[in-house]
């Protein structure tokens, strides 16, 4: 049976933003972070079809991969275990590495397998490992055509027509692709790379841009001198100020960088006056537990 998670409906919050007013643009945020305290943001809509498939086909559990702070593993493990299935997390880290994310997984009863360096990317190995246990193998981040379709459906349902530019964090690019395939009449869709600099993500964005011409779909390397998962200069201070002003907690990996880039870009005059911008909050707040200095 599907877990009866107490899911809340996402909503759109308009930001009373002085920088936006000076630039002559309107800024709103799609609050996917409010969907669930653990399976939050874009995680549930990407993972839901995988979990349904595992239950429908009678798998004993699910195996998926990710980093030691992975929002995907955190959400997927909780939802899978709530559904009465087993969950194995293949984590890119040495066995001695411990994080609040991995602590939660172990406390919930997930099996954590540490696979450092080249073994982590041996997808054949993990697919075979999953098959031997009669587990469903789910790619890192929950990416896949089913996840793209689920994002497209949710976005189309949750967002009324009227936004010119959509700004969304990009990791695997699944949410970016889902918005592109949603048939929403945006003019511009911008994926903000949080520092992955993944060639697959760049290729995906280029292909989406070609497929959906004349819509503009682009990938922005917002802070090229900052590594994935690491805050940039002034990042924590910005997140605190943003929370004080708007009452919205951002996450240090994705949405913090997205909003910092967006407001800096608006201040620099890079957007046309009259634009109606929607920023997508993809959740992931559990990852903030390792970041000191935050007031929320």
Protein backbone atom coordinates (compact mmCIF):
# COMPACT_ATOMS: atom_id res chain seq x y z
CA UNK A 1 0.00 0.00 0.00
CA UNK A 2 1.08 3.57 -0.65
CA UNK A 3 2.06 5.37 2.58
CA UNK A 4 -0.59 7.76 3.88
CA UNK A 5 1.77 10.73 4.13
CA UNK A 6 0.18 13.96 5.40
CA UNK A 7 0.91 15.90 2.21
CA UNK A 8 0.12 19.60 1.92
CA UNK A 9 -0.68 21.46 -1.29
CA UNK A 10 2.14 23.67 -2.61
CA UNK A 11 1.29 27.34 -2.99
CA UNK A 12 2.67 30.45 -4.67
CA UNK A 13 3.97 33.23 -2.46
CA UNK A 14 4.51 36.69 -3.92
CA UNK A 15 7.66 38.35 -2.61
CA UNK A 16 7.51 41.97 -1.50
CA UNK A 17 11.01 42.56 -2.81
CA UNK A 18 12.56 46.02 -3.04
CA UNK A 19 15.18 44.86 -5.56
CA UNK A 20 12.39 43.51 -7.74
CA UNK A 21 10.43 46.75 -7.50
CA UNK A 22 13.47 48.79 -8.50
CA UNK A 23 14.01 46.48 -11.48
CA UNK A 24 10.34 46.76 -12.41
CA UNK A 25 9.70 43.03 -12.13
CA UNK A 26 7.38 40.85 -10.04
CA UNK A 27 8.88 37.89 -8.12
CA UNK A 28 6.95 34.96 -6.69
CA UNK A 29 8.01 31.60 -5.26
CA UNK A 30 6.44 28.18 -5.73
CA UNK A 31 6.61 26.72 -2.22
CA UNK A 32 7.18 23.03 -2.82
CA UNK A 33 9.06 22.92 0.50
CA UNK A 34 5.74 22.86 2.40
CA UNK A 35 4.52 19.57 0.88
CA UNK A 36 5.91 17.40 3.71
CA UNK A 37 8.44 17.93 6.54
CA UNK A 38 10.62 15.00 5.36
CA UNK A 39 9.54 14.11 1.82
CA UNK A 40 9.63 17.75 0.82
CA UNK A 41 10.05 19.89 -2.25
CA UNK A 42 10.42 18.14 -5.57
CA UNK A 43 11.44 14.88 -3.89
CA UNK A 44 7.96 13.38 -3.49
CA UNK A 45 6.74 14.15 -6.99
CA UNK A 46 9.91 12.60 -8.47
CA UNK A 47 9.89 9.53 -6.22
CA UNK A 48 6.15 8.82 -6.09
CA UNK A 49 6.01 6.99 -9.47
CA UNK A 50 9.03 4.84 -8.55
CA UNK A 51 7.41 3.81 -5.27
CA UNK A 52 4.14 3.02 -7.01
CA UNK A 53 6.02 0.87 -9.53
CA UNK A 54 7.82 -1.03 -6.76
CA UNK A 55 4.53 -1.78 -4.99
CA UNK A 56 2.70 -2.69 -8.20
CA UNK A 57 5.38 -5.16 -9.28
CA UNK A 58 5.78 -6.69 -5.84
CA UNK A 59 9.39 -5.72 -5.16
CA UNK A 60 10.69 -6.36 -1.65
CA UNK A 61 12.39 -2.99 -1.51
CA UNK A 62 14.13 -0.17 -3.32
CA UNK A 63 17.82 0.55 -3.84
CA UNK A 64 19.06 3.99 -4.79
CA UNK A 65 22.28 5.97 -4.73
CA UNK A 66 23.41 9.39 -3.57
CA UNK A 67 25.80 11.45 -1.50
CA UNK A 68 26.03 11.49 2.31
CA UNK A 69 23.79 14.60 2.49
CA UNK A 70 21.38 13.48 -0.25
CA UNK A 71 17.88 14.93 -0.06
CA UNK A 72 16.76 12.22 -2.46
CA UNK A 73 18.00 9.35 -0.27
CA UNK A 74 16.52 11.00 2.82
CA UNK A 75 13.08 11.39 1.27
CA UNK A 76 13.09 8.09 -0.63
CA UNK A 77 14.14 6.05 2.40
CA UNK A 78 11.40 7.54 4.57
CA UNK A 79 8.65 7.06 1.98
CA UNK A 80 9.75 3.52 1.09
CA UNK A 81 9.94 2.38 4.68
CA UNK A 82 6.57 3.99 5.42
CA UNK A 83 5.16 1.88 2.59
CA UNK A 84 6.39 -1.28 4.31
CA UNK A 85 9.25 -2.00 1.90
CA UNK A 86 12.97 -2.23 2.62
CA UNK A 87 15.40 0.45 1.47
CA UNK A 88 19.08 0.24 0.61
CA UNK A 89 21.07 3.45 0.19
CA UNK A 90 24.35 3.24 -1.71
CA UNK A 91 26.28 6.25 -0.45
CA UNK A 92 29.26 7.94 -2.04
CA UNK A 93 31.44 8.16 1.07
CA UNK A 94 33.95 6.15 3.12
CA UNK A 95 32.38 4.01 5.84
CA UNK A 96 33.68 6.25 8.61
CA UNK A 97 31.75 9.24 7.20
CA UNK A 98 28.68 10.15 9.26
CA UNK A 99 26.07 12.86 8.68
CA UNK A 100 22.63 13.70 10.15
CA UNK A 101 21.13 12.46 6.87
CA UNK A 102 22.73 9.02 7.18
CA UNK A 103 21.89 8.90 10.88
CA UNK A 104 18.22 9.34 10.00
CA UNK A 105 18.37 6.57 7.40
CA UNK A 106 19.91 4.14 9.89
CA UNK A 107 17.41 5.12 12.61
CA UNK A 108 14.51 4.47 10.22
CA UNK A 109 15.86 1.00 9.40
CA UNK A 110 17.45 1.56 6.01
CA UNK A 111 20.49 -0.45 4.93
CA UNK A 112 23.36 1.95 4.23
CA UNK A 113 26.10 0.69 1.91
CA UNK A 114 29.22 2.83 1.58
CA UNK A 115 30.78 2.86 -1.88
CA UNK A 116 33.63 5.27 -2.37
CA UNK A 117 35.09 6.56 -5.63
CA UNK A 118 34.87 4.26 -8.68
CA UNK A 119 32.58 1.66 -7.07
CA UNK A 120 29.85 4.23 -6.52
CA UNK A 121 29.49 4.85 -10.26
CA UNK A 122 29.44 1.16 -11.15
CA UNK A 123 25.73 1.21 -12.02
CA UNK A 124 25.81 -2.35 -13.37
CA UNK A 125 27.01 -3.57 -9.98
CA UNK A 126 24.20 -1.86 -8.08
CA UNK A 127 21.55 -2.89 -10.56
CA UNK A 128 22.69 -6.51 -10.21
CA UNK A 129 22.83 -6.12 -6.43
CA UNK A 130 19.25 -4.81 -6.42
CA UNK A 131 18.03 -7.55 -8.77
CA UNK A 132 19.52 -10.28 -6.57
CA UNK A 133 17.47 -9.01 -3.62
CA UNK A 134 14.34 -8.44 -5.75
CA UNK A 135 14.69 -4.68 -5.16
CA UNK A 136 13.78 -1.95 -7.64
CA UNK A 137 16.83 0.07 -8.69
CA UNK A 138 16.12 3.83 -8.72
CA UNK A 139 18.76 6.13 -10.30
CA UNK A 140 20.41 8.87 -8.27
CA UNK A 141 18.04 11.76 -7.64
CA UNK A 142 15.09 9.66 -8.79
CA UNK A 143 15.67 10.74 -12.37
CA UNK A 144 13.82 9.08 -15.22
CA UNK A 145 10.94 9.58 -17.64
CA UNK A 146 8.32 8.75 -14.99
CA UNK A 147 9.74 11.40 -12.69
CA UNK A 148 9.76 13.98 -15.49
CA UNK A 149 6.09 13.24 -16.20
CA UNK A 150 5.21 13.55 -12.51
CA UNK A 151 6.95 16.93 -12.25
CA UNK A 152 5.18 18.13 -15.40
CA UNK A 153 1.79 17.13 -14.01
CA UNK A 154 2.38 18.77 -10.61
CA UNK A 155 3.75 21.98 -12.10
CA UNK A 156 0.88 22.38 -14.55
CA UNK A 157 -1.64 21.79 -11.76
CA UNK A 158 0.02 24.10 -9.20
CA UNK A 159 1.04 27.10 -11.33
CA UNK A 160 -1.49 29.42 -12.99
CA UNK A 161 -0.68 30.93 -16.37
CA UNK A 162 1.02 34.32 -16.25
CA UNK A 163 4.69 33.82 -15.41
CA UNK A 164 7.19 34.80 -18.10
CA UNK A 165 10.35 33.39 -16.54
CA UNK A 166 10.71 30.27 -14.39
CA UNK A 167 13.88 29.88 -12.29
CA UNK A 168 14.64 26.47 -10.75
CA UNK A 169 17.67 24.82 -9.11
CA UNK A 170 19.26 22.08 -11.19
CA UNK A 171 20.92 18.90 -9.93
CA UNK A 172 20.07 15.97 -12.19
CA UNK A 173 17.85 18.26 -14.29
CA UNK A 174 14.71 16.17 -13.72
CA UNK A 175 12.66 19.06 -12.36
CA UNK A 176 13.95 21.37 -15.08
CA UNK A 177 12.91 18.83 -17.72
CA UNK A 178 9.53 18.30 -16.07
CA UNK A 179 8.74 22.01 -16.20
CA UNK A 180 9.82 22.13 -19.85
CA UNK A 181 7.49 19.21 -20.69
CA UNK A 182 4.57 20.63 -18.69
CA UNK A 183 3.33 22.68 -21.68
CA UNK A 184 3.34 25.75 -19.44
CA UNK A 185 3.52 28.89 -21.62
CA UNK A 186 6.69 30.39 -20.16
CA UNK A 187 9.03 32.47 -22.29
CA UNK A 188 12.22 31.58 -20.43
CA UNK A 189 13.20 28.67 -18.15
CA UNK A 190 16.49 28.95 -16.28
CA UNK A 191 18.15 26.08 -14.43
CA UNK A 192 20.58 27.27 -11.76
CA UNK A 193 23.39 24.74 -11.49
CA UNK A 194 24.33 24.48 -7.81
CA UNK A 195 27.89 23.53 -8.71
CA UNK A 196 27.57 20.05 -10.24
CA UNK A 197 28.95 21.19 -13.62
CA UNK A 198 27.76 17.84 -14.91
CA UNK A 199 28.16 17.32 -18.66
CA UNK A 200 24.89 15.31 -18.67
CA UNK A 201 23.02 18.29 -17.20
CA UNK A 202 24.51 20.63 -19.80
CA UNK A 203 23.58 18.22 -22.61
CA UNK A 204 20.04 17.83 -21.25
CA UNK A 205 19.55 21.59 -21.18
CA UNK A 206 20.83 22.02 -24.73
CA UNK A 207 18.48 19.32 -25.98
CA UNK A 208 15.50 20.86 -24.16
CA UNK A 209 16.34 24.24 -25.65
CA UNK A 210 16.31 22.75 -29.16
CA UNK A 211 13.15 20.71 -28.58
CA UNK A 212 11.11 23.60 -27.18
CA UNK A 213 12.26 26.43 -29.45
CA UNK A 214 11.30 29.33 -29.51
CA UNK A 215 11.14 29.08 -25.71
CA UNK A 216 14.48 29.85 -24.11
CA UNK A 217 15.80 27.15 -21.78
CA UNK A 218 19.19 27.80 -20.26
CA UNK A 219 21.60 26.55 -17.61
CA UNK A 220 23.39 29.05 -15.38
CA UNK A 221 26.60 28.27 -13.51
CA UNK A 222 25.69 30.83 -10.85
CA UNK A 223 28.87 30.68 -8.76
CA UNK A 224 31.65 29.10 -10.84
CA UNK A 225 34.22 29.29 -8.05
CA UNK A 226 32.06 27.36 -5.56
CA UNK A 227 31.89 23.57 -5.33
CA UNK A 228 28.65 21.62 -5.13
CA UNK A 229 27.30 21.53 -1.57
CA UNK A 230 29.54 24.37 -0.43
CA UNK A 231 28.25 27.87 0.41
CA UNK A 232 29.62 30.80 -1.54
CA UNK A 233 30.86 34.06 0.01
CA UNK A 234 28.08 35.77 1.96
CA UNK A 235 25.75 32.82 1.37
CA UNK A 236 24.68 32.17 4.98
CA UNK A 237 24.22 35.86 5.71
CA UNK A 238 22.04 36.16 2.60
CA UNK A 239 19.89 33.18 3.64
CA UNK A 240 19.36 34.69 7.11
CA UNK A 241 18.39 38.07 5.67
CA UNK A 242 16.05 36.40 3.18
CA UNK A 243 14.35 34.50 6.00
CA UNK A 244 13.97 37.63 8.14
CA UNK A 245 12.40 39.54 5.26
CA UNK A 246 10.19 36.90 3.62
CA UNK A 247 9.80 34.20 6.28
CA UNK A 248 11.05 31.57 3.82
CA UNK A 249 13.86 29.17 4.82
CA UNK A 250 16.19 28.38 1.92
CA UNK A 251 18.54 25.42 1.69
CA UNK A 252 22.29 25.84 1.50
CA UNK A 253 22.82 23.59 -1.55
CA UNK A 254 20.17 24.65 -4.05
CA UNK A 255 17.63 27.37 -3.30
CA UNK A 256 20.01 29.60 -1.34
CA UNK A 257 22.28 29.88 -4.36
CA UNK A 258 19.34 30.25 -6.73
CA UNK A 259 17.82 33.21 -4.88
CA UNK A 260 21.19 34.84 -4.25
CA UNK A 261 21.94 34.67 -7.98
CA UNK A 262 18.46 35.88 -8.94
CA UNK A 263 18.50 38.97 -6.72
CA UNK A 264 22.06 39.85 -7.72
CA UNK A 265 21.13 39.49 -11.38
CA UNK A 266 18.02 41.65 -10.93
CA UNK A 267 20.08 44.30 -9.19
CA UNK A 268 22.48 44.28 -12.15
CA UNK A 269 19.58 45.04 -14.50
CA UNK A 270 19.68 41.77 -16.45
CA UNK A 271 15.90 41.30 -16.55
CA UNK A 272 13.47 43.41 -18.57
CA UNK A 273 11.01 45.62 -16.71
CA UNK A 274 7.55 44.07 -16.61
CA UNK A 275 8.77 40.47 -16.27
CA UNK A 276 6.78 38.15 -14.01
CA UNK A 277 9.28 35.73 -12.45
CA UNK A 278 8.56 32.50 -10.60
CA UNK A 279 11.31 30.89 -8.51
CA UNK A 280 10.79 27.24 -7.56
CA UNK A 281 11.59 26.22 -3.98
CA UNK A 282 12.64 22.57 -4.26
CA UNK A 283 12.90 21.88 -0.52
CA UNK A 284 15.95 20.06 0.81
CA UNK A 285 15.98 21.90 4.14
CA UNK A 286 17.22 18.81 6.01
CA UNK A 287 20.64 19.46 4.51
CA UNK A 288 20.95 22.70 6.49
CA UNK A 289 21.69 20.73 9.67
CA UNK A 290 25.40 20.70 8.91
CA UNK A 291 25.57 24.45 8.25
CA UNK A 292 26.44 26.70 11.18
CA UNK A 293 25.28 30.31 11.48
CA UNK A 294 21.71 29.92 10.22
CA UNK A 295 18.96 31.52 12.34
CA UNK A 296 16.20 29.14 11.23
